Each structure stands twice: as C-alpha cells, then as structure tokens.
Amino acid sequence: MAEQFAESNNVIIEEVNKGLNPGMIVLLVVATTLLLFFVGNYALYLYAQKTLPPKKKKPVSKKKLKREKLKQGVSAPGE
C-alpha cells in the first residue's frame, strides 16, 4: 500500500511559463514598427503641408489660350 501511494505521488507538474512567448514578442515588434511608420509618415505629411510652397500649375499652351479666347468671342492677339 505504501508503494502504491509513493507511485501515485510521482505526478509530473509542468510549470507554467509566465513570460511572453516568442510569437507574442514578434507580433508586438511588428505592430510597434508599423505603428511608428504610419505615425511618422503622417507627421512628415503635416510638416510638408505647412512648410512647402504650393505646387506650380503647368503653363497653358498657346493653342489652348487661342481656343479659349475664340470660345469667349475675343479675338486672339496677333490675328
């Protein structure tokens, strides 16, 4: 009887790892990197909007100017 009790007492107890598992660490690193990337891009976008001059418009060709003036009924210069 004592032997049976001793044998049943040999139960393997697994310790629960209370730290973060490697998958969770990788997930946190990737998520943090992506978050920093998007926040940094947004900050740069806002900074560029404040500091850069507005885009220059493309010059209108002489053909288009003539066409527009003819549509309005004004004679084009030089004609």
PDB file of N, CA and C in Angstrom:
ATOM      1  N   MET A   1       0.816  -1.181   0.000  1.00  0.00           N
ATOM      2  CA  MET A   1       0.000   0.000   0.000  1.00  0.00           C
ATOM      3  C   MET A   1       0.865   1.251   0.000  1.00  0.00           C
ATOM      4  N   ALA A   2       1.937   1.222   0.723  1.00  0.00           N
ATOM      5  CA  ALA A   2       2.830   2.371   0.773  1.00  0.00           C
ATOM      6  C   ALA A   2       3.490   2.583  -0.581  1.00  0.00           C
ATOM      7  N   GLU A   3       3.776   1.491  -1.290  1.00  0.00           N
ATOM      8  CA  GLU A   3       4.388   1.614  -2.615  1.00  0.00           C
ATOM      9  C   GLU A   3       3.418   2.239  -3.608  1.00  0.00           C
ATOM     10  N   GLN A   4       2.157   1.866  -3.510  1.00  0.00           N
ATOM     11  CA  GLN A   4       1.167   2.456  -4.421  1.00  0.00           C
ATOM     12  C   GLN A   4       1.040   3.955  -4.172  1.00  0.00           C
ATOM     13  N   PHE A   5       1.051   4.341  -2.918  1.00  0.00           N
ATOM     14  CA  PHE A   5       0.950   5.762  -2.590  1.00  0.00           C
ATOM     15  C   PHE A   5       2.159   6.529  -3.102  1.00  0.00           C
ATOM     16  N   ALA A   6       3.305   5.947  -2.986  1.00  0.00           N
ATOM     17  CA  ALA A   6       4.533   6.602  -3.458  1.00  0.00           C
ATOM     18  C   ALA A   6       4.525   6.734  -4.970  1.00  0.00           C
ATOM     19  N   GLU A   7       4.017   5.693  -5.651  1.00  0.00           N
ATOM     20  CA  GLU A   7       3.974   5.758  -7.111  1.00  0.00           C
ATOM     21  C   GLU A   7       2.969   6.792  -7.593  1.00  0.00           C
ATOM     22  N   SER A   8       1.834   6.888  -6.936  1.00  0.00           N
ATOM     23  CA  SER A   8       0.821   7.856  -7.360  1.00  0.00           C
ATOM     24  C   SER A   8       1.241   9.281  -7.018  1.00  0.00           C
ATOM     25  N   ASN A   9       2.209   9.422  -6.148  1.00  0.00           N
ATOM     26  CA  ASN A   9       2.699  10.747  -5.779  1.00  0.00           C
ATOM     27  C   ASN A   9       3.688  11.289  -6.795  1.00  0.00           C
ATOM     28  N   ASN A  10       4.166  10.437  -7.698  1.00  0.00           N
ATOM     29  CA  ASN A  10       5.134  10.868  -8.706  1.00  0.00           C
ATOM     30  C   ASN A  10       4.435  11.507  -9.916  1.00  0.00           C
ATOM     31  N   VAL A  11       3.616  12.488  -9.676  1.00  0.00           N
ATOM     32  CA  VAL A  11       2.899  13.169 -10.755  1.00  0.00           C
ATOM     33  C   VAL A  11       3.786  14.300 -11.259  1.00  0.00           C
ATOM     34  N   ILE A  12       3.930  14.348 -12.569  1.00  0.00           N
ATOM     35  CA  ILE A  12       4.772  15.399 -13.154  1.00  0.00           C
ATOM     36  C   ILE A  12       3.968  16.695 -13.216  1.00  0.00           C
ATOM     37  N   ILE A  13       4.481  17.696 -12.588  1.00  0.00           N
ATOM     38  CA  ILE A  13       3.819  19.005 -12.580  1.00  0.00           C
ATOM     39  C   ILE A  13       4.593  19.917 -13.530  1.00  0.00           C
ATOM     40  N   GLU A  14       3.897  20.391 -14.569  1.00  0.00           N
ATOM     41  CA  GLU A  14       4.545  21.295 -15.527  1.00  0.00           C
ATOM     42  C   GLU A  14       4.405  22.720 -15.019  1.00  0.00           C
ATOM     43  N   GLU A  15       5.506  23.412 -15.038  1.00  0.00           N
ATOM     44  CA  GLU A  15       5.456  24.807 -14.617  1.00  0.00           C
ATOM     45  C   GLU A  15       4.933  25.650 -15.774  1.00  0.00           C
ATOM     46  N   VAL A  16       4.072  26.556 -15.455  1.00  0.00           N
ATOM     47  CA  VAL A  16       3.515  27.433 -16.484  1.00  0.00           C
ATOM     48  C   VAL A  16       4.488  28.583 -16.676  1.00  0.00           C
ATOM     49  N   ASN A  17       4.887  28.770 -17.932  1.00  0.00           N
ATOM     50  CA  ASN A  17       5.799  29.858 -18.239  1.00  0.00           C
ATOM     51  C   ASN A  17       5.017  31.168 -18.186  1.00  0.00           C
ATOM     52  N   LYS A  18       5.377  32.024 -17.267  1.00  0.00           N
ATOM     53  CA  LYS A  18       4.611  33.252 -17.072  1.00  0.00           C
ATOM     54  C   LYS A  18       5.121  34.409 -17.929  1.00  0.00           C
ATOM     55  N   GLY A  19       6.192  34.200 -18.671  1.00  0.00           N
ATOM     56  CA  GLY A  19       6.712  35.248 -19.546  1.00  0.00           C
ATOM     57  C   GLY A  19       5.959  35.296 -20.860  1.00  0.00           C
ATOM     58  N   LEU A  20       6.390  36.182 -21.744  1.00  0.00           N
ATOM     59  CA  LEU A  20       5.778  36.285 -23.069  1.00  0.00           C
ATOM     60  C   LEU A  20       6.376  35.216 -23.975  1.00  0.00           C
ATOM     61  N   ASN A  21       5.525  34.594 -24.750  1.00  0.00           N
ATOM     62  CA  ASN A  21       6.056  33.590 -25.672  1.00  0.00           C
ATOM     63  C   ASN A  21       6.652  34.292 -26.906  1.00  0.00           C
ATOM     64  N   PRO A  22       7.523  33.632 -27.650  1.00  0.00           N
ATOM     65  CA  PRO A  22       8.215  34.270 -28.784  1.00  0.00           C
ATOM     66  C   PRO A  22       7.269  34.800 -29.857  1.00  0.00           C
ATOM     67  N   GLY A  23       6.158  34.117 -30.099  1.00  0.00           N
ATOM     68  CA  GLY A  23       5.199  34.594 -31.093  1.00  0.00           C
ATOM     69  C   GLY A  23       4.623  35.943 -30.710  1.00  0.00           C
ATOM     70  N   MET A  24       4.339  36.124 -29.440  1.00  0.00           N
ATOM     71  CA  MET A  24       3.775  37.389 -28.964  1.00  0.00           C
ATOM     72  C   MET A  24       4.810  38.504 -29.069  1.00  0.00           C
ATOM     73  N   ILE A  25       6.066  38.186 -28.810  1.00  0.00           N
ATOM     74  CA  ILE A  25       7.128  39.192 -28.905  1.00  0.00           C
ATOM     75  C   ILE A  25       7.268  39.662 -30.354  1.00  0.00           C
ATOM     76  N   VAL A  26       7.259  38.719 -31.301  1.00  0.00           N
ATOM     77  CA  VAL A  26       7.365  39.080 -32.722  1.00  0.00           C
ATOM     78  C   VAL A  26       6.174  39.931 -33.133  1.00  0.00           C
ATOM     79  N   LEU A  27       4.988  39.546 -32.692  1.00  0.00           N
ATOM     80  CA  LEU A  27       3.785  40.306 -33.024  1.00  0.00           C
ATOM     81  C   LEU A  27       3.861  41.733 -32.488  1.00  0.00           C
ATOM     82  N   LEU A  28       4.323  41.883 -31.259  1.00  0.00           N
ATOM     83  CA  LEU A  28       4.450  43.216 -30.673  1.00  0.00           C
ATOM     84  C   LEU A  28       5.481  44.063 -31.414  1.00  0.00           C
ATOM     85  N   VAL A  29       6.601  43.461 -31.796  1.00  0.00           N
ATOM     86  CA  VAL A  29       7.645  44.204 -32.510  1.00  0.00           C
ATOM     87  C   VAL A  29       7.139  44.662 -33.872  1.00  0.00           C
ATOM     88  N   VAL A  30       6.475  43.772 -34.602  1.00  0.00           N
ATOM     89  CA  VAL A  30       5.965  44.122 -35.932  1.00  0.00           C
ATOM     90  C   VAL A  30       4.881  45.194 -35.818  1.00  0.00           C
ATOM     91  N   ALA A  31       3.954  45.036 -34.890  1.00  0.00           N
ATOM     92  CA  ALA A  31       2.872  46.009 -34.714  1.00  0.00           C
ATOM     93  C   ALA A  31       3.428  47.373 -34.317  1.00  0.00           C
ATOM     94  N   THR A  32       4.406  47.396 -33.424  1.00  0.00           N
ATOM     95  CA  THR A  32       5.007  48.662 -32.997  1.00  0.00           C
ATOM     96  C   THR A  32       5.730  49.333 -34.152  1.00  0.00           C
ATOM     97  N   THR A  33       6.449  48.548 -34.948  1.00  0.00           N
ATOM     98  CA  THR A  33       7.167  49.102 -36.095  1.00  0.00           C
ATOM     99  C   THR A  33       6.197  49.711 -37.097  1.00  0.00           C
ATOM    100  N   LEU A  34       5.128  49.004 -37.405  1.00  0.00           N
ATOM    101  CA  LEU A  34       4.130  49.530 -38.343  1.00  0.00           C
ATOM    102  C   LEU A  34       3.477  50.794 -37.805  1.00  0.00           C
ATOM    103  N   LEU A  35       3.146  50.799 -36.535  1.00  0.00           N
ATOM    104  CA  LEU A  35       2.518  51.964 -35.933  1.00  0.00           C
ATOM    105  C   LEU A  35       3.441  53.177 -36.001  1.00  0.00           C
ATOM    106  N   LEU A  36       4.710  52.982 -35.666  1.00  0.00           N
ATOM    107  CA  LEU A  36       5.673  54.085 -35.742  1.00  0.00           C
ATOM    108  C   LEU A  36       5.844  54.581 -37.177  1.00  0.00           C
ATOM    109  N   PHE A  37       5.847  53.666 -38.131  1.00  0.00           N
ATOM    110  CA  PHE A  37       5.984  54.030 -39.542  1.00  0.00           C
ATOM    111  C   PHE A  37       4.834  54.933 -39.980  1.00  0.00           C
ATOM    112  N   PHE A  38       3.599  54.524 -39.660  1.00  0.00           N
ATOM    113  CA  PHE A  38       2.442  55.310 -40.091  1.00  0.00           C
ATOM    114  C   PHE A  38       2.352  56.649 -39.363  1.00  0.00           C
ATOM    115  N   VAL A  39       2.657  56.662 -38.083  1.00  0.00           N
ATOM    116  CA  VAL A  39       2.634  57.920 -37.326  1.00  0.00           C
ATOM    117  C   VAL A  39       3.719  58.865 -37.854  1.00  0.00           C
ATOM    118  N   GLY A  40       4.899  58.330 -38.164  1.00  0.00           N
ATOM    119  CA  GLY A  40       5.978  59.159 -38.712  1.00  0.00           C
ATOM    120  C   GLY A  40       5.629  59.717 -40.074  1.00  0.00           C
ATOM    121  N   ASN A  41       5.018  58.897 -40.930  1.00  0.00           N
ATOM    122  CA  ASN A  41       4.607  59.375 -42.243  1.00  0.00           C
ATOM    123  C   ASN A  41       3.575  60.483 -42.127  1.00  0.00           C
ATOM    124  N   TYR A  42       2.624  60.328 -41.221  1.00  0.00           N
ATOM    125  CA  TYR A  42       1.595  61.348 -41.042  1.00  0.00           C
ATOM    126  C   TYR A  42       2.214  62.645 -40.532  1.00  0.00           C
ATOM    127  N   ALA A  43       3.160  62.542 -39.606  1.00  0.00           N
ATOM    128  CA  ALA A  43       3.826  63.734 -39.082  1.00  0.00           C
ATOM    129  C   ALA A  43       4.598  64.443 -40.197  1.00  0.00           C
ATOM    130  N   LEU A  44       5.308  63.679 -41.029  1.00  0.00           N
ATOM    131  CA  LEU A  44       6.028  64.287 -42.148  1.00  0.00           C
ATOM    132  C   LEU A  44       5.079  64.931 -43.145  1.00  0.00           C
ATOM    133  N   TYR A  45       3.935  64.299 -43.382  1.00  0.00           N
ATOM    134  CA  TYR A  45       2.937  64.846 -44.293  1.00  0.00           C
ATOM    135  C   TYR A  45       2.424  66.201 -43.778  1.00  0.00           C
ATOM    136  N   LEU A  46       2.109  66.257 -42.490  1.00  0.00           N
ATOM    137  CA  LEU A  46       1.632  67.515 -41.916  1.00  0.00           C
ATOM    138  C   LEU A  46       2.717  68.587 -41.981  1.00  0.00           C
ATOM    139  N   TYR A  47       3.950  68.212 -41.699  1.00  0.00           N
ATOM    140  CA  TYR A  47       5.055  69.172 -41.754  1.00  0.00           C
ATOM    141  C   TYR A  47       5.245  69.691 -43.172  1.00  0.00           C
ATOM    142  N   ALA A  48       5.158  68.803 -44.160  1.00  0.00           N
ATOM    143  CA  ALA A  48       5.331  69.214 -45.557  1.00  0.00           C
ATOM    144  C   ALA A  48       4.196  70.129 -46.001  1.00  0.00           C
ATOM    145  N   GLN A  49       2.982  69.858 -45.538  1.00  0.00           N
ATOM    146  CA  GLN A  49       1.856  70.709 -45.916  1.00  0.00           C
ATOM    147  C   GLN A  49       2.045  72.132 -45.399  1.00  0.00           C
ATOM    148  N   LYS A  50       2.645  72.271 -44.238  1.00  0.00           N
ATOM    149  CA  LYS A  50       2.840  73.599 -43.647  1.00  0.00           C
ATOM    150  C   LYS A  50       4.006  74.345 -44.286  1.00  0.00           C
ATOM    151  N   THR A  51       5.081  73.634 -44.597  1.00  0.00           N
ATOM    152  CA  THR A  51       6.308  74.321 -44.979  1.00  0.00           C
ATOM    153  C   THR A  51       6.539  74.438 -46.482  1.00  0.00           C
ATOM    154  N   LEU A  52       6.103  73.451 -47.264  1.00  0.00           N
ATOM    155  CA  LEU A  52       6.383  73.501 -48.699  1.00  0.00           C
ATOM    156  C   LEU A  52       5.452  74.476 -49.398  1.00  0.00           C
ATOM    157  N   PRO A  53       5.957  75.187 -50.415  1.00  0.00           N
ATOM    158  CA  PRO A  53       5.071  76.074 -51.168  1.00  0.00           C
ATOM    159  C   PRO A  53       4.087  75.245 -51.997  1.00  0.00           C
ATOM    160  N   PRO A  54       2.961  75.847 -52.371  1.00  0.00           N
ATOM    161  CA  PRO A  54       2.010  75.081 -53.193  1.00  0.00           C
ATOM    162  C   PRO A  54       2.601  74.745 -54.551  1.00  0.00           C
ATOM    163  N   LYS A  55       2.099  73.662 -55.141  1.00  0.00           N
ATOM    164  CA  LYS A  55       2.594  73.232 -56.446  1.00  0.00           C
ATOM    165  C   LYS A  55       2.297  74.286 -57.502  1.00  0.00           C
ATOM    166  N   LYS A  56       3.257  74.459 -58.410  1.00  0.00           N
ATOM    167  CA  LYS A  56       3.030  75.380 -59.515  1.00  0.00           C
ATOM    168  C   LYS A  56       2.148  74.702 -60.548  1.00  0.00           C
ATOM    169  N   LYS A  57       1.257  75.485 -61.143  1.00  0.00           N
ATOM    170  CA  LYS A  57       0.405  74.934 -62.188  1.00  0.00           C
ATOM    171  C   LYS A  57       1.197  74.863 -63.476  1.00  0.00           C
ATOM    172  N   LYS A  58       0.834  73.897 -64.318  1.00  0.00           N
ATOM    173  CA  LYS A  58       1.506  73.776 -65.609  1.00  0.00           C
ATOM    174  C   LYS A  58       1.121  74.977 -66.474  1.00  0.00           C
ATOM    175  N   PRO A  59       2.062  75.503 -67.258  1.00  0.00           N
ATOM    176  CA  PRO A  59       1.706  76.616 -68.138  1.00  0.00           C
ATOM    177  C   PRO A  59       0.731  76.150 -69.223  1.00  0.00           C
ATOM    178  N   VAL A  60      -0.218  77.018 -69.531  1.00  0.00           N
ATOM    179  CA  VAL A  60      -1.209  76.697 -70.549  1.00  0.00           C
ATOM    180  C   VAL A  60      -0.588  76.969 -71.912  1.00  0.00           C
ATOM    181  N   SER A  61      -0.770  76.026 -72.849  1.00  0.00           N
ATOM    182  CA  SER A  61      -0.167  76.186 -74.167  1.00  0.00           C
ATOM    183  C   SER A  61      -0.872  77.304 -74.939  1.00  0.00           C
ATOM    184  N   LYS A  62      -0.173  77.856 -75.933  1.00  0.00           N
ATOM    185  CA  LYS A  62      -0.720  78.961 -76.726  1.00  0.00           C
ATOM    186  C   LYS A  62      -1.943  78.504 -77.518  1.00  0.00           C
ATOM    187  N   LYS A  63      -1.937  77.239 -77.957  1.00  0.00           N
ATOM    188  CA  LYS A  63      -3.086  76.707 -78.682  1.00  0.00           C
ATOM    189  C   LYS A  63      -4.336  76.741 -77.802  1.00  0.00           C
ATOM    190  N   LYS A  64      -4.175  76.319 -76.558  1.00  0.00           N
ATOM    191  CA  LYS A  64      -5.322  76.299 -75.647  1.00  0.00           C
ATOM    192  C   LYS A  64      -5.792  77.716 -75.361  1.00  0.00           C
ATOM    193  N   LEU A  65      -4.865  78.663 -75.233  1.00  0.00           N
ATOM    194  CA  LEU A  65      -5.253  80.054 -74.994  1.00  0.00           C
ATOM    195  C   LEU A  65      -6.081  80.570 -76.164  1.00  0.00           C
ATOM    196  N   LYS A  66      -5.631  80.293 -77.379  1.00  0.00           N
ATOM    197  CA  LYS A  66      -6.373  80.747 -78.560  1.00  0.00           C
ATOM    198  C   LYS A  66      -7.759  80.127 -78.585  1.00  0.00           C
ATOM    199  N   ARG A  67      -7.838  78.846 -78.323  1.00  0.00           N
ATOM    200  CA  ARG A  67      -9.115  78.142 -78.351  1.00  0.00           C
ATOM    201  C   ARG A  67     -10.079  78.726 -77.322  1.00  0.00           C
ATOM    202  N   GLU A  68      -9.580  78.986 -76.108  1.00  0.00           N
ATOM    203  CA  GLU A  68     -10.432  79.544 -75.062  1.00  0.00           C
ATOM    204  C   GLU A  68     -10.920  80.935 -75.435  1.00  0.00           C
ATOM    205  N   LYS A  69     -10.041  81.742 -76.004  1.00  0.00           N
ATOM    206  CA  LYS A  69     -10.431  83.112 -76.364  1.00  0.00           C
ATOM    207  C   LYS A  69     -11.438  83.102 -77.509  1.00  0.00           C
ATOM    208  N   LEU A  70     -11.286  82.144 -78.437  1.00  0.00           N
ATOM    209  CA  LEU A  70     -12.248  82.039 -79.528  1.00  0.00           C
ATOM    210  C   LEU A  70     -13.615  81.597 -79.000  1.00  0.00           C
ATOM    211  N   LYS A  71     -13.631  80.735 -78.004  1.00  0.00           N
ATOM    212  CA  LYS A  71     -14.884  80.311 -77.415  1.00  0.00           C
ATOM    213  C   LYS A  71     -15.591  81.479 -76.736  1.00  0.00           C
ATOM    214  N   GLN A  72     -14.803  82.373 -76.122  1.00  0.00           N
ATOM    215  CA  GLN A  72     -15.391  83.522 -75.439  1.00  0.00           C
ATOM    216  C   GLN A  72     -15.751  84.637 -76.414  1.00  0.00           C
ATOM    217  N   GLY A  73     -15.297  84.556 -77.624  1.00  0.00           N
ATOM    218  CA  GLY A  73     -15.616  85.571 -78.622  1.00  0.00           C
ATOM    219  C   GLY A  73     -14.604  86.683 -78.698  1.00  0.00           C
ATOM    220  N   VAL A  74     -13.483  86.566 -78.027  1.00  0.00           N
ATOM    221  CA  VAL A  74     -12.437  87.584 -78.076  1.00  0.00           C
ATOM    222  C   VAL A  74     -11.412  87.117 -79.089  1.00  0.00           C
ATOM    223  N   SER A  75     -10.987  88.017 -79.948  1.00  0.00           N
ATOM    224  CA  SER A  75     -10.002  87.614 -80.957  1.00  0.00           C
ATOM    225  C   SER A  75      -8.654  87.431 -80.283  1.00  0.00           C
ATOM    226  N   ALA A  76      -7.959  86.423 -80.738  1.00  0.00           N
ATOM    227  CA  ALA A  76      -6.654  86.123 -80.168  1.00  0.00           C
ATOM    228  C   ALA A  76      -5.657  87.186 -80.609  1.00  0.00           C
ATOM    229  N   PRO A  77      -4.693  87.524 -79.758  1.00  0.00           N
ATOM    230  CA  PRO A  77      -3.711  88.545 -80.146  1.00  0.00           C
ATOM    231  C   PRO A  77      -2.870  88.058 -81.334  1.00  0.00           C
ATOM    232  N   GLY A  78      -2.602  88.963 -82.242  1.00  0.00           N
ATOM    233  CA  GLY A  78      -1.804  88.607 -83.431  1.00  0.00           C
ATOM    234  C   GLY A  78      -2.647  88.054 -84.562  1.00  0.00           C
ATOM    235  N   GLU A  79      -3.943  88.067 -84.417  1.00  0.00           N
ATOM    236  CA  GLU A  79      -4.787  87.575 -85.511  1.00  0.00           C
ATOM    237  C   GLU A  79      -5.759  88.628 -85.952  1.00  0.00           C
TER     238      GLU A  79
END
